[in-house]
């Protein structure tokens, strides 16, 4: 995220955020390790995706990125765990520093744990199209080296999840977000102390639905995020929409090999008001990404 046109000032910091978030992250990772040993089922895969129409605010929307990921999802007696780590490699249209010809590098980590309250209480909580109700908590973490922002996002999430009665899965969650950042602009050599945005809600959907008997699945997520007050530069933020969906072909099933091992497909991301930045303001088209991609996954 670039801020060439925004003056950087040192803004409010909340010193206990880093300690609290890191402590929670460590405890959640310990929980993952313990739960994974007793998992009833699990799926771990490495993936790759590529597109040429990624966007960053103030930079435009012709950025190419190679993205590698490691993902893990598992279920145990009382719920599920989800973990994903992306390594995003930009081309020079998203430079690593003010005078660099190399592209930026970013790590983005997501962890979610959903506790199935029906299983915890041993009482069915199904009603209508809902097969279960859960409590979800987790965190996001990112670290990026780029010319204008150098994001150091930390975010805690917690809320309620409805698990819908569909083939595969469809989870609908209403989560509260507690987000902070500590950017540093290499154009102006000015850094900002860690700043906490207003707590704000997010309606999020996550799905993986097989398409009948075909070796195809429709997968993805959609986040609808309320504005988070003023940003670290005193600008008003905007509601944010991030929809990422893919149609995946089970290549193994088609070729006579093992099923659910190698998948190949097409992905599309629609991201309006990226990071809460107004796409109709000075950030321009870079705050509104419409990105087609190719995607490959190897499950093991």
Foldseek 3Di string as FASTA:
>chain_A
DADPPFDADAFDDDVCVVVVLVVVQVVVVVVVVVVVVQFPDKWKKKKWKWWQQAFAFQLHGRKIKIKIKIWMKTHHQFWIKIKMKIWIAIAQSFALADPGRGHKIKIKIWIKIWGFVCSVVVHFPDDDQFRTKTKMKIWMFMAMRTAGWRWTKIKIKIFMWTWGNAAFTKIKTKIKMWMWIWTAHRVVRDTYHIDIFAIWIKIKMWGWHDDPPAQKIKTWMKIWTQWRQADSRRHTFHTKIKTKIKIKGQVQVVVVHDGPFKIKTKMWIWIASAVRNHCPDNSHVSRTTTIIMIMMMGMD
